[in-house]
Amino acid sequence: MERTKRDFFSRPAAEQQEFLTQTWCDKCQQPDLGMTDPTEYAEGEKVLIEGKCCRCGEVVATELID
């Protein structure tokens, strides 16, 4: 499925902070480790934010649900 880039940094600062801290890392198997290097995109009907786990550097993704 094709990804359509979106501008994560156009979101309000408080919202950005929430998305960057409320994460789940599959490798670490822990919540809220945080992410760096966020990229927001749409994939079909889904909107996702993808970045790197602050602890291990693995890719983590959060699906945004209205």
PDB file of N, CA and C in Angstrom:
ATOM      1  N   MET A   1       0.843  -1.179   0.000  1.00  0.00           N
ATOM      2  CA  MET A   1       0.000   0.000   0.000  1.00  0.00           C
ATOM      3  C   MET A   1       0.891   1.246   0.000  1.00  0.00           C
ATOM      4  N   GLU A   2       0.456   2.259  -0.686  1.00  0.00           N
ATOM      5  CA  GLU A   2       1.237   3.485  -0.823  1.00  0.00           C
ATOM      6  C   GLU A   2       1.136   4.360   0.418  1.00  0.00           C
ATOM      7  N   ARG A   3       2.274   4.934   0.803  1.00  0.00           N
ATOM      8  CA  ARG A   3       2.318   5.858   1.942  1.00  0.00           C
ATOM      9  C   ARG A   3       2.251   7.296   1.442  1.00  0.00           C
ATOM     10  N   THR A   4       1.440   8.091   2.123  1.00  0.00           N
ATOM     11  CA  THR A   4       1.351   9.514   1.816  1.00  0.00           C
ATOM     12  C   THR A   4       1.918  10.272   3.001  1.00  0.00           C
ATOM     13  N   LYS A   5       3.003  11.006   2.779  1.00  0.00           N
ATOM     14  CA  LYS A   5       3.686  11.733   3.858  1.00  0.00           C
ATOM     15  C   LYS A   5       2.780  12.837   4.396  1.00  0.00           C
ATOM     16  N   ARG A   6       2.813  12.996   5.716  1.00  0.00           N
ATOM     17  CA  ARG A   6       2.086  14.061   6.408  1.00  0.00           C
ATOM     18  C   ARG A   6       3.083  14.815   7.281  1.00  0.00           C
ATOM     19  N   ASP A   7       2.698  16.009   7.733  1.00  0.00           N
ATOM     20  CA  ASP A   7       3.609  16.846   8.523  1.00  0.00           C
ATOM     21  C   ASP A   7       3.328  16.697  10.017  1.00  0.00           C
ATOM     22  N   PHE A   8       4.088  15.824  10.674  1.00  0.00           N
ATOM     23  CA  PHE A   8       3.948  15.597  12.114  1.00  0.00           C
ATOM     24  C   PHE A   8       4.143  16.894  12.897  1.00  0.00           C
ATOM     25  N   PHE A   9       5.075  17.730  12.458  1.00  0.00           N
ATOM     26  CA  PHE A   9       5.437  18.931  13.207  1.00  0.00           C
ATOM     27  C   PHE A   9       4.426  20.071  13.067  1.00  0.00           C
ATOM     28  N   SER A  10       3.377  19.870  12.260  1.00  0.00           N
ATOM     29  CA  SER A  10       2.309  20.879  12.187  1.00  0.00           C
ATOM     30  C   SER A  10       1.284  20.660  13.312  1.00  0.00           C
ATOM     31  N   ARG A  11       1.416  19.549  14.027  1.00  0.00           N
ATOM     32  CA  ARG A  11       0.534  19.280  15.165  1.00  0.00           C
ATOM     33  C   ARG A  11       0.926  20.173  16.343  1.00  0.00           C
ATOM     34  N   PRO A  12      -0.021  20.461  17.249  1.00  0.00           N
ATOM     35  CA  PRO A  12       0.317  21.238  18.458  1.00  0.00           C
ATOM     36  C   PRO A  12       1.414  20.516  19.259  1.00  0.00           C
ATOM     37  N   ALA A  13       2.269  21.283  19.906  1.00  0.00           N
ATOM     38  CA  ALA A  13       3.421  20.736  20.642  1.00  0.00           C
ATOM     39  C   ALA A  13       2.999  19.701  21.688  1.00  0.00           C
ATOM     40  N   ALA A  14       1.912  19.952  22.405  1.00  0.00           N
ATOM     41  CA  ALA A  14       1.459  19.013  23.435  1.00  0.00           C
ATOM     42  C   ALA A  14       1.051  17.672  22.813  1.00  0.00           C
ATOM     43  N   GLU A  15       0.397  17.737  21.670  1.00  0.00           N
ATOM     44  CA  GLU A  15      -0.017  16.515  20.967  1.00  0.00           C
ATOM     45  C   GLU A  15       1.213  15.745  20.468  1.00  0.00           C
ATOM     46  N   GLN A  16       2.177  16.460  19.932  1.00  0.00           N
ATOM     47  CA  GLN A  16       3.428  15.817  19.491  1.00  0.00           C
ATOM     48  C   GLN A  16       4.073  15.076  20.649  1.00  0.00           C
ATOM     49  N   GLN A  17       4.149  15.734  21.792  1.00  0.00           N
ATOM     50  CA  GLN A  17       4.793  15.146  22.962  1.00  0.00           C
ATOM     51  C   GLN A  17       4.086  13.866  23.399  1.00  0.00           C
ATOM     52  N   GLU A  18       2.763  13.883  23.375  1.00  0.00           N
ATOM     53  CA  GLU A  18       1.996  12.684  23.727  1.00  0.00           C
ATOM     54  C   GLU A  18       2.357  11.524  22.816  1.00  0.00           C
ATOM     55  N   PHE A  19       2.366  11.774  21.510  1.00  0.00           N
ATOM     56  CA  PHE A  19       2.655  10.717  20.547  1.00  0.00           C
ATOM     57  C   PHE A  19       4.093  10.221  20.662  1.00  0.00           C
ATOM     58  N   LEU A  20       5.010  11.085  21.053  1.00  0.00           N
ATOM     59  CA  LEU A  20       6.416  10.694  21.166  1.00  0.00           C
ATOM     60  C   LEU A  20       6.709   9.914  22.448  1.00  0.00           C
ATOM     61  N   THR A  21       5.853  10.038  23.448  1.00  0.00           N
ATOM     62  CA  THR A  21       6.117   9.345  24.713  1.00  0.00           C
ATOM     63  C   THR A  21       5.231   8.123  24.924  1.00  0.00           C
ATOM     64  N   GLN A  22       4.029   8.136  24.390  1.00  0.00           N
ATOM     65  CA  GLN A  22       3.103   7.017  24.590  1.00  0.00           C
ATOM     66  C   GLN A  22       3.293   6.001  23.464  1.00  0.00           C
ATOM     67  N   THR A  23       4.291   5.145  23.637  1.00  0.00           N
ATOM     68  CA  THR A  23       4.675   4.199  22.598  1.00  0.00           C
ATOM     69  C   THR A  23       4.704   2.777  23.145  1.00  0.00           C
ATOM     70  N   TRP A  24       4.851   1.834  22.239  1.00  0.00           N
ATOM     71  CA  TRP A  24       5.079   0.431  22.607  1.00  0.00           C
ATOM     72  C   TRP A  24       6.197  -0.084  21.713  1.00  0.00           C
ATOM     73  N   CYS A  25       7.206  -0.708  22.317  1.00  0.00           N
ATOM     74  CA  CYS A  25       8.305  -1.286  21.549  1.00  0.00           C
ATOM     75  C   CYS A  25       8.172  -2.809  21.579  1.00  0.00           C
ATOM     76  N   ASP A  26       8.039  -3.415  20.400  1.00  0.00           N
ATOM     77  CA  ASP A  26       7.921  -4.875  20.320  1.00  0.00           C
ATOM     78  C   ASP A  26       9.199  -5.571  20.779  1.00  0.00           C
ATOM     79  N   LYS A  27      10.345  -4.981  20.493  1.00  0.00           N
ATOM     80  CA  LYS A  27      11.607  -5.615  20.887  1.00  0.00           C
ATOM     81  C   LYS A  27      11.814  -5.552  22.405  1.00  0.00           C
ATOM     82  N   CYS A  28      11.629  -4.386  22.995  1.00  0.00           N
ATOM     83  CA  CYS A  28      11.810  -4.217  24.445  1.00  0.00           C
ATOM     84  C   CYS A  28      10.637  -4.792  25.237  1.00  0.00           C
ATOM     85  N   GLN A  29       9.479  -4.935  24.586  1.00  0.00           N
ATOM     86  CA  GLN A  29       8.255  -5.416  25.238  1.00  0.00           C
ATOM     87  C   GLN A  29       7.882  -4.537  26.435  1.00  0.00           C
ATOM     88  N   GLN A  30       7.978  -3.208  26.219  1.00  0.00           N
ATOM     89  CA  GLN A  30       7.624  -2.256  27.268  1.00  0.00           C
ATOM     90  C   GLN A  30       6.922  -1.044  26.666  1.00  0.00           C
ATOM     91  N   PRO A  31       6.019  -0.447  27.444  1.00  0.00           N
ATOM     92  CA  PRO A  31       5.338   0.761  26.985  1.00  0.00           C
ATOM     93  C   PRO A  31       6.129   2.017  27.350  1.00  0.00           C
ATOM     94  N   ASP A  32       5.792   3.083  26.658  1.00  0.00           N
ATOM     95  CA  ASP A  32       6.204   4.445  27.009  1.00  0.00           C
ATOM     96  C   ASP A  32       7.713   4.656  27.126  1.00  0.00           C
ATOM     97  N   LEU A  33       8.484   4.000  26.254  1.00  0.00           N
ATOM     98  CA  LEU A  33       9.932   4.233  26.216  1.00  0.00           C
ATOM     99  C   LEU A  33      10.257   5.464  25.373  1.00  0.00           C
ATOM    100  N   GLY A  34       9.304   5.890  24.567  1.00  0.00           N
ATOM    101  CA  GLY A  34       9.482   7.065  23.736  1.00  0.00           C
ATOM    102  C   GLY A  34      10.042   6.720  22.371  1.00  0.00           C
ATOM    103  N   MET A  35       9.931   7.692  21.450  1.00  0.00           N
ATOM    104  CA  MET A  35      10.481   7.516  20.105  1.00  0.00           C
ATOM    105  C   MET A  35      11.181   8.786  19.657  1.00  0.00           C
ATOM    106  N   THR A  36      12.158   8.603  18.779  1.00  0.00           N
ATOM    107  CA  THR A  36      12.865   9.717  18.152  1.00  0.00           C
ATOM    108  C   THR A  36      12.621   9.658  16.649  1.00  0.00           C
ATOM    109  N   ASP A  37      12.982  10.704  15.958  1.00  0.00           N
ATOM    110  CA  ASP A  37      12.899  10.773  14.488  1.00  0.00           C
ATOM    111  C   ASP A  37      11.508  10.432  13.949  1.00  0.00           C
ATOM    112  N   PRO A  38      10.459  11.118  14.436  1.00  0.00           N
ATOM    113  CA  PRO A  38       9.104  10.763  14.003  1.00  0.00           C
ATOM    114  C   PRO A  38       8.825  11.135  12.553  1.00  0.00           C
ATOM    115  N   THR A  39       8.083  10.257  11.890  1.00  0.00           N
ATOM    116  CA  THR A  39       7.586  10.490  10.540  1.00  0.00           C
ATOM    117  C   THR A  39       6.115  10.124  10.550  1.00  0.00           C
ATOM    118  N   GLU A  40       5.273  11.029  10.069  1.00  0.00           N
ATOM    119  CA  GLU A  40       3.844  10.761  10.015  1.00  0.00           C
ATOM    120  C   GLU A  40       3.442  10.501   8.573  1.00  0.00           C
ATOM    121  N   TYR A  41       2.581   9.510   8.387  1.00  0.00           N
ATOM    122  CA  TYR A  41       2.115   9.203   7.045  1.00  0.00           C
ATOM    123  C   TYR A  41       0.745   8.550   7.097  1.00  0.00           C
ATOM    124  N   ALA A  42       0.055   8.621   5.962  1.00  0.00           N
ATOM    125  CA  ALA A  42      -1.221   7.931   5.799  1.00  0.00           C
ATOM    126  C   ALA A  42      -0.966   6.731   4.904  1.00  0.00           C
ATOM    127  N   GLU A  43      -1.624   5.631   5.244  1.00  0.00           N
ATOM    128  CA  GLU A  43      -1.519   4.402   4.459  1.00  0.00           C
ATOM    129  C   GLU A  43      -2.938   3.858   4.334  1.00  0.00           C
ATOM    130  N   GLY A  44      -3.557   4.102   3.193  1.00  0.00           N
ATOM    131  CA  GLY A  44      -4.974   3.772   3.044  1.00  0.00           C
ATOM    132  C   GLY A  44      -5.779   4.642   3.985  1.00  0.00           C
ATOM    133  N   GLU A  45      -6.592   4.019   4.822  1.00  0.00           N
ATOM    134  CA  GLU A  45      -7.433   4.742   5.792  1.00  0.00           C
ATOM    135  C   GLU A  45      -6.702   5.042   7.093  1.00  0.00           C
ATOM    136  N   LYS A  46      -5.526   4.461   7.286  1.00  0.00           N
ATOM    137  CA  LYS A  46      -4.791   4.593   8.549  1.00  0.00           C
ATOM    138  C   LYS A  46      -3.834   5.784   8.516  1.00  0.00           C
ATOM    139  N   VAL A  47      -3.661   6.419   9.691  1.00  0.00           N
ATOM    140  CA  VAL A  47      -2.643   7.448   9.881  1.00  0.00           C
ATOM    141  C   VAL A  47      -1.688   6.907  10.941  1.00  0.00           C
ATOM    142  N   LEU A  48      -0.393   6.906  10.629  1.00  0.00           N
ATOM    143  CA  LEU A  48       0.606   6.341  11.531  1.00  0.00           C
ATOM    144  C   LEU A  48       1.744   7.312  11.779  1.00  0.00           C
ATOM    145  N   ILE A  49       2.362   7.168  12.937  1.00  0.00           N
ATOM    146  CA  ILE A  49       3.596   7.882  13.265  1.00  0.00           C
ATOM    147  C   ILE A  49       4.631   6.800  13.532  1.00  0.00           C
ATOM    148  N   GLU A  50       5.745   6.902  12.833  1.00  0.00           N
ATOM    149  CA  GLU A  50       6.800   5.906  12.951  1.00  0.00           C
ATOM    150  C   GLU A  50       8.092   6.600  13.371  1.00  0.00           C
ATOM    151  N   GLY A  51       8.855   5.953  14.228  1.00  0.00           N
ATOM    152  CA  GLY A  51      10.126   6.496  14.680  1.00  0.00           C
ATOM    153  C   GLY A  51      10.996   5.387  15.233  1.00  0.00           C
ATOM    154  N   LYS A  52      11.977   5.752  16.040  1.00  0.00           N
ATOM    155  CA  LYS A  52      12.890   4.785  16.634  1.00  0.00           C
ATOM    156  C   LYS A  52      12.714   4.774  18.146  1.00  0.00           C
ATOM    157  N   CYS A  53      12.723   3.586  18.735  1.00  0.00           N
ATOM    158  CA  CYS A  53      12.619   3.433  20.184  1.00  0.00           C
ATOM    159  C   CYS A  53      13.801   4.149  20.847  1.00  0.00           C
ATOM    160  N   CYS A  54      13.514   4.913  21.879  1.00  0.00           N
ATOM    161  CA  CYS A  54      14.573   5.642  22.598  1.00  0.00           C
ATOM    162  C   CYS A  54      15.542   4.697  23.310  1.00  0.00           C
ATOM    163  N   ARG A  55      15.109   3.505  23.646  1.00  0.00           N
ATOM    164  CA  ARG A  55      15.977   2.567  24.358  1.00  0.00           C
ATOM    165  C   ARG A  55      16.842   1.743  23.401  1.00  0.00           C
ATOM    166  N   CYS A  56      16.209   1.073  22.416  1.00  0.00           N
ATOM    167  CA  CYS A  56      16.946   0.111  21.605  1.00  0.00           C
ATOM    168  C   CYS A  56      17.178   0.538  20.155  1.00  0.00           C
ATOM    169  N   GLY A  57      16.450   1.555  19.689  1.00  0.00           N
ATOM    170  CA  GLY A  57      16.626   2.042  18.322  1.00  0.00           C
ATOM    171  C   GLY A  57      15.799   1.318  17.283  1.00  0.00           C
ATOM    172  N   GLU A  58      15.032   0.291  17.683  1.00  0.00           N
ATOM    173  CA  GLU A  58      14.154  -0.420  16.736  1.00  0.00           C
ATOM    174  C   GLU A  58      13.044   0.517  16.259  1.00  0.00           C
ATOM    175  N   VAL A  59      12.526   0.243  15.080  1.00  0.00           N
ATOM    176  CA  VAL A  59      11.413   1.029  14.545  1.00  0.00           C
ATOM    177  C   VAL A  59      10.151   0.722  15.351  1.00  0.00           C
ATOM    178  N   VAL A  60       9.475   1.789  15.792  1.00  0.00           N
ATOM    179  CA  VAL A  60       8.178   1.671  16.463  1.00  0.00           C
ATOM    180  C   VAL A  60       7.166   2.492  15.688  1.00  0.00           C
ATOM    181  N   ALA A  61       5.932   2.051  15.686  1.00  0.00           N
ATOM    182  CA  ALA A  61       4.878   2.768  14.970  1.00  0.00           C
ATOM    183  C   ALA A  61       3.633   2.853  15.848  1.00  0.00           C
ATOM    184  N   THR A  62       2.964   3.976  15.753  1.00  0.00           N
ATOM    185  CA  THR A  62       1.724   4.198  16.485  1.00  0.00           C
ATOM    186  C   THR A  62       0.647   4.548  15.473  1.00  0.00           C
ATOM    187  N   GLU A  63      -0.455   3.816  15.507  1.00  0.00           N
ATOM    188  CA  GLU A  63      -1.580   4.134  14.653  1.00  0.00           C
ATOM    189  C   GLU A  63      -2.477   5.126  15.377  1.00  0.00           C
ATOM    190  N   LEU A  64      -2.814   6.206  14.723  1.00  0.00           N
ATOM    191  CA  LEU A  64      -3.685   7.230  15.316  1.00  0.00           C
ATOM    192  C   LEU A  64      -5.135   6.870  15.031  1.00  0.00           C
ATOM    193  N   ILE A  65      -5.935   6.880  16.078  1.00  0.00           N
ATOM    194  CA  ILE A  65      -7.344   6.538  15.951  1.00  0.00           C
ATOM    195  C   ILE A  65      -8.157   7.729  16.441  1.00  0.00           C
ATOM    196  N   ASP A  66      -9.111   8.162  15.606  1.00  0.00           N
ATOM    197  CA  ASP A  66      -9.968   9.299  15.987  1.00  0.00           C
ATOM    198  C   ASP A  66     -10.890   8.934  17.106  1.00  0.00           C
TER     199      ASP A  66
END
